[in-house]
Amino acid sequence: MEQKNNGKAIAALVLGILGIVGAWIPFVNFIAWVFPIIAIVLGAKAKKECAEAGQPTGMATAGLVLGIVSLGLTVLGLICVICATIGIAAVGGLDPSMLNP
């Protein structure tokens, strides 16, 4: 039986990895939440297509799992950035004398 690459599974895997990397870069994580959502959708579709075609579903499953994990990390990263911003605002902002030692 001939196996062909499933582009959706590869895309889900790559987007899941990009979501994990982007989750921990401050202010990039404001747009990085898009990657995991697309990875989850593509991973689910690819897994279904591979199962129907009788092909291995490993790469699609990996993309789906990475999408779910990266979505959780992105949400956690956003919470951290928001809490840090609120903390800085609560103390009155940054003192310019602290920036120049």
N, C-alpha and C. Protein backbone atom coordinates (compact mmCIF):
# COMPACT_ATOMS: atom_id res chain seq x y z
N MET A 1 0.84 -1.17 0.00
CA MET A 1 0.00 0.00 0.00
C MET A 1 0.89 1.24 0.00
N GLU A 2 0.62 2.16 -0.90
CA GLU A 2 1.42 3.37 -1.02
C GLU A 2 0.99 4.39 0.02
N GLN A 3 1.98 4.96 0.69
CA GLN A 3 1.69 6.00 1.67
C GLN A 3 2.13 7.33 1.10
N LYS A 4 1.31 8.34 1.28
CA LYS A 4 1.70 9.66 0.82
C LYS A 4 1.72 10.60 2.03
N ASN A 5 2.50 11.65 1.89
CA ASN A 5 2.58 12.62 2.97
C ASN A 5 1.27 13.38 3.08
N ASN A 6 0.86 13.61 4.28
CA ASN A 6 -0.35 14.38 4.52
C ASN A 6 0.09 15.80 4.88
N GLY A 7 -0.16 16.73 4.00
CA GLY A 7 0.27 18.12 4.21
C GLY A 7 -0.36 18.75 5.44
N LYS A 8 -1.60 18.37 5.74
CA LYS A 8 -2.26 18.92 6.92
C LYS A 8 -1.56 18.48 8.20
N ALA A 9 -1.10 17.23 8.23
CA ALA A 9 -0.41 16.72 9.41
C ALA A 9 0.92 17.45 9.61
N ILE A 10 1.63 17.68 8.52
CA ILE A 10 2.91 18.39 8.60
C ILE A 10 2.67 19.84 9.04
N ALA A 11 1.66 20.48 8.47
CA ALA A 11 1.35 21.85 8.85
C ALA A 11 0.95 21.94 10.32
N ALA A 12 0.17 20.98 10.81
CA ALA A 12 -0.23 20.97 12.21
C ALA A 12 0.98 20.82 13.12
N LEU A 13 1.90 19.96 12.72
CA LEU A 13 3.12 19.75 13.50
C LEU A 13 3.96 21.03 13.56
N VAL A 14 4.16 21.66 12.42
CA VAL A 14 4.97 22.89 12.37
C VAL A 14 4.29 24.01 13.15
N LEU A 15 2.99 24.18 12.98
CA LEU A 15 2.28 25.24 13.70
C LEU A 15 2.26 24.98 15.21
N GLY A 16 2.18 23.71 15.60
CA GLY A 16 2.26 23.39 17.03
C GLY A 16 3.60 23.77 17.62
N ILE A 17 4.67 23.51 16.87
CA ILE A 17 6.02 23.88 17.33
C ILE A 17 6.16 25.40 17.39
N LEU A 18 5.67 26.09 16.35
CA LEU A 18 5.74 27.56 16.36
C LEU A 18 4.93 28.14 17.51
N GLY A 19 3.82 27.50 17.84
CA GLY A 19 3.01 27.96 18.96
C GLY A 19 3.73 27.83 20.28
N ILE A 20 4.47 26.73 20.45
CA ILE A 20 5.23 26.53 21.69
C ILE A 20 6.36 27.56 21.79
N VAL A 21 7.05 27.79 20.70
CA VAL A 21 8.16 28.77 20.71
C VAL A 21 7.61 30.18 20.93
N GLY A 22 6.53 30.52 20.23
CA GLY A 22 5.98 31.86 20.34
C GLY A 22 5.30 32.14 21.66
N ALA A 23 4.94 31.10 22.39
CA ALA A 23 4.22 31.30 23.65
C ALA A 23 5.07 31.99 24.70
N TRP A 24 6.38 31.83 24.63
CA TRP A 24 7.24 32.36 25.69
C TRP A 24 8.03 33.58 25.26
N ILE A 25 7.73 34.14 24.11
CA ILE A 25 8.38 35.38 23.69
C ILE A 25 7.41 36.51 23.99
N PRO A 26 7.77 37.38 24.93
CA PRO A 26 6.84 38.43 25.33
C PRO A 26 6.39 39.26 24.13
N PHE A 27 5.14 39.58 24.12
CA PHE A 27 4.45 40.39 23.12
C PHE A 27 4.31 39.69 21.77
N VAL A 28 5.08 38.64 21.51
CA VAL A 28 4.83 37.80 20.33
C VAL A 28 3.65 36.89 20.64
N ASN A 29 3.51 36.54 21.92
CA ASN A 29 2.42 35.63 22.29
C ASN A 29 1.03 36.26 22.11
N PHE A 30 0.98 37.56 21.87
CA PHE A 30 -0.32 38.17 21.59
C PHE A 30 -0.85 37.75 20.22
N ILE A 31 0.06 37.37 19.30
CA ILE A 31 -0.38 36.87 17.99
C ILE A 31 -0.12 35.38 17.85
N ALA A 32 0.67 34.80 18.75
CA ALA A 32 1.03 33.39 18.64
C ALA A 32 -0.13 32.45 18.98
N TRP A 33 -1.20 32.95 19.56
CA TRP A 33 -2.33 32.09 19.91
C TRP A 33 -3.05 31.57 18.67
N VAL A 34 -2.81 32.21 17.52
CA VAL A 34 -3.44 31.77 16.28
C VAL A 34 -2.86 30.42 15.83
N PHE A 35 -1.56 30.22 16.01
CA PHE A 35 -0.90 29.00 15.56
C PHE A 35 -1.48 27.74 16.19
N PRO A 36 -1.64 27.69 17.52
CA PRO A 36 -2.19 26.47 18.11
C PRO A 36 -3.61 26.15 17.68
N ILE A 37 -4.42 27.17 17.49
CA ILE A 37 -5.80 26.92 17.08
C ILE A 37 -5.83 26.28 15.70
N ILE A 38 -5.02 26.83 14.78
CA ILE A 38 -4.96 26.25 13.43
C ILE A 38 -4.36 24.84 13.49
N ALA A 39 -3.35 24.65 14.36
CA ALA A 39 -2.73 23.33 14.50
C ALA A 39 -3.74 22.29 15.00
N ILE A 40 -4.59 22.67 15.93
CA ILE A 40 -5.60 21.74 16.45
C ILE A 40 -6.59 21.36 15.35
N VAL A 41 -7.05 22.35 14.60
CA VAL A 41 -8.01 22.08 13.53
C VAL A 41 -7.39 21.19 12.45
N LEU A 42 -6.19 21.56 12.00
CA LEU A 42 -5.53 20.77 10.96
C LEU A 42 -5.17 19.37 11.46
N GLY A 43 -4.72 19.26 12.71
CA GLY A 43 -4.37 17.96 13.27
C GLY A 43 -5.56 17.03 13.35
N ALA A 44 -6.71 17.57 13.75
CA ALA A 44 -7.92 16.75 13.83
C ALA A 44 -8.38 16.29 12.45
N LYS A 45 -8.34 17.21 11.48
CA LYS A 45 -8.74 16.84 10.12
C LYS A 45 -7.78 15.81 9.52
N ALA A 46 -6.48 16.03 9.73
CA ALA A 46 -5.48 15.11 9.18
C ALA A 46 -5.59 13.73 9.81
N LYS A 47 -5.86 13.69 11.11
CA LYS A 47 -6.01 12.40 11.78
C LYS A 47 -7.20 11.64 11.24
N LYS A 48 -8.29 12.34 11.00
CA LYS A 48 -9.47 11.70 10.45
C LYS A 48 -9.21 11.20 9.03
N GLU A 49 -8.55 12.03 8.20
CA GLU A 49 -8.25 11.63 6.83
C GLU A 49 -7.30 10.43 6.77
N CYS A 50 -6.29 10.44 7.63
CA CYS A 50 -5.33 9.33 7.65
C CYS A 50 -6.01 8.04 8.11
N ALA A 51 -6.88 8.15 9.10
CA ALA A 51 -7.57 6.96 9.59
C ALA A 51 -8.48 6.38 8.52
N GLU A 52 -9.16 7.24 7.77
CA GLU A 52 -10.04 6.77 6.70
C GLU A 52 -9.26 6.13 5.56
N ALA A 53 -8.04 6.65 5.30
CA ALA A 53 -7.22 6.13 4.21
C ALA A 53 -6.39 4.93 4.65
N GLY A 54 -6.44 4.59 5.92
CA GLY A 54 -5.66 3.46 6.43
C GLY A 54 -4.18 3.76 6.56
N GLN A 55 -3.84 5.03 6.68
CA GLN A 55 -2.45 5.44 6.83
C GLN A 55 -2.14 5.67 8.31
N PRO A 56 -0.85 5.68 8.65
CA PRO A 56 -0.49 5.96 10.05
C PRO A 56 -0.91 7.37 10.46
N THR A 57 -1.36 7.50 11.67
CA THR A 57 -1.85 8.79 12.16
C THR A 57 -0.90 9.45 13.14
N GLY A 58 0.32 8.97 13.22
CA GLY A 58 1.26 9.47 14.22
C GLY A 58 1.59 10.94 14.09
N MET A 59 1.88 11.39 12.87
CA MET A 59 2.24 12.79 12.69
C MET A 59 1.04 13.71 12.94
N ALA A 60 -0.14 13.26 12.54
CA ALA A 60 -1.34 14.05 12.80
C ALA A 60 -1.63 14.13 14.30
N THR A 61 -1.44 13.02 14.99
CA THR A 61 -1.64 13.02 16.45
C THR A 61 -0.63 13.93 17.13
N ALA A 62 0.63 13.88 16.68
CA ALA A 62 1.66 14.75 17.25
C ALA A 62 1.31 16.22 17.03
N GLY A 63 0.83 16.56 15.84
CA GLY A 63 0.43 17.94 15.57
C GLY A 63 -0.74 18.37 16.43
N LEU A 64 -1.69 17.47 16.63
CA LEU A 64 -2.85 17.77 17.47
C LEU A 64 -2.42 17.99 18.93
N VAL A 65 -1.57 17.11 19.44
CA VAL A 65 -1.11 17.22 20.83
C VAL A 65 -0.27 18.49 21.01
N LEU A 66 0.63 18.77 20.06
CA LEU A 66 1.44 19.99 20.15
C LEU A 66 0.55 21.23 20.08
N GLY A 67 -0.50 21.18 19.29
CA GLY A 67 -1.43 22.30 19.23
C GLY A 67 -2.12 22.54 20.56
N ILE A 68 -2.54 21.46 21.21
CA ILE A 68 -3.21 21.59 22.51
C ILE A 68 -2.23 22.10 23.57
N VAL A 69 -1.03 21.54 23.59
CA VAL A 69 -0.03 21.97 24.57
C VAL A 69 0.36 23.43 24.33
N SER A 70 0.58 23.79 23.07
CA SER A 70 0.99 25.17 22.78
C SER A 70 -0.13 26.16 23.08
N LEU A 71 -1.38 25.75 22.93
CA LEU A 71 -2.48 26.64 23.30
C LEU A 71 -2.47 26.90 24.81
N GLY A 72 -2.23 25.85 25.58
CA GLY A 72 -2.13 26.02 27.04
C GLY A 72 -0.96 26.92 27.43
N LEU A 73 0.19 26.72 26.78
CA LEU A 73 1.36 27.55 27.08
C LEU A 73 1.15 28.99 26.64
N THR A 74 0.46 29.19 25.53
CA THR A 74 0.19 30.54 25.06
C THR A 74 -0.72 31.27 26.03
N VAL A 75 -1.74 30.59 26.52
CA VAL A 75 -2.64 31.21 27.50
C VAL A 75 -1.86 31.53 28.78
N LEU A 76 -1.01 30.61 29.22
CA LEU A 76 -0.19 30.86 30.41
C LEU A 76 0.76 32.04 30.19
N GLY A 77 1.37 32.11 29.02
CA GLY A 77 2.26 33.23 28.70
C GLY A 77 1.53 34.55 28.67
N LEU A 78 0.32 34.56 28.11
CA LEU A 78 -0.49 35.79 28.10
C LEU A 78 -0.83 36.23 29.51
N ILE A 79 -1.17 35.27 30.36
CA ILE A 79 -1.48 35.60 31.76
C ILE A 79 -0.26 36.21 32.44
N CYS A 80 0.93 35.66 32.18
CA CYS A 80 2.16 36.19 32.78
C CYS A 80 2.43 37.62 32.32
N VAL A 81 2.28 37.89 31.03
CA VAL A 81 2.53 39.24 30.50
C VAL A 81 1.51 40.22 31.07
N ILE A 82 0.25 39.81 31.16
CA ILE A 82 -0.78 40.70 31.69
C ILE A 82 -0.53 40.99 33.17
N CYS A 83 -0.15 39.96 33.94
CA CYS A 83 0.15 40.17 35.37
C CYS A 83 1.36 41.07 35.56
N ALA A 84 2.38 40.91 34.73
CA ALA A 84 3.57 41.76 34.83
C ALA A 84 3.22 43.20 34.49
N THR A 85 2.38 43.39 33.48
CA THR A 85 1.97 44.74 33.10
C THR A 85 1.15 45.40 34.21
N ILE A 86 0.26 44.63 34.82
CA ILE A 86 -0.54 45.16 35.93
C ILE A 86 0.36 45.48 37.12
N GLY A 87 1.35 44.62 37.38
CA GLY A 87 2.28 44.87 38.48
C GLY A 87 3.10 46.13 38.28
N ILE A 88 3.56 46.35 37.06
CA ILE A 88 4.33 47.57 36.77
C ILE A 88 3.44 48.79 36.91
N ALA A 89 2.22 48.70 36.45
CA ALA A 89 1.29 49.83 36.54
C ALA A 89 0.92 50.11 38.00
N ALA A 90 0.86 49.06 38.82
CA ALA A 90 0.46 49.23 40.22
C ALA A 90 1.50 49.99 41.03
N VAL A 91 2.77 49.88 40.65
CA VAL A 91 3.82 50.57 41.40
C VAL A 91 4.13 51.93 40.79
N GLY A 92 3.35 52.34 39.82
CA GLY A 92 3.54 53.66 39.26
C GLY A 92 4.43 53.71 38.04
N GLY A 93 4.67 52.59 37.43
CA GLY A 93 5.49 52.54 36.23
C GLY A 93 6.96 52.38 36.56
N LEU A 94 7.77 52.45 35.54
CA LEU A 94 9.20 52.31 35.71
C LEU A 94 9.83 53.66 36.03
N ASP A 95 10.78 53.64 36.94
CA ASP A 95 11.53 54.84 37.28
C ASP A 95 12.67 54.97 36.27
N PRO A 96 12.74 56.08 35.51
CA PRO A 96 13.79 56.21 34.50
C PRO A 96 15.21 56.10 35.07
N SER A 97 15.40 56.43 36.35
CA SER A 97 16.73 56.34 36.94
C SER A 97 17.16 54.87 37.09
N MET A 98 16.20 53.94 37.08
CA MET A 98 16.54 52.53 37.19
C MET A 98 17.11 52.00 35.87
N LEU A 99 16.81 52.66 34.77
CA LEU A 99 17.26 52.19 33.46
C LEU A 99 18.70 52.56 33.16
N ASN A 100 19.21 53.62 33.77
CA ASN A 100 20.60 54.06 33.55
C ASN A 100 21.38 53.92 34.85
N PRO A 101 22.16 52.86 34.98
CA PRO A 101 22.88 52.65 36.25
C PRO A 101 23.99 53.64 36.48
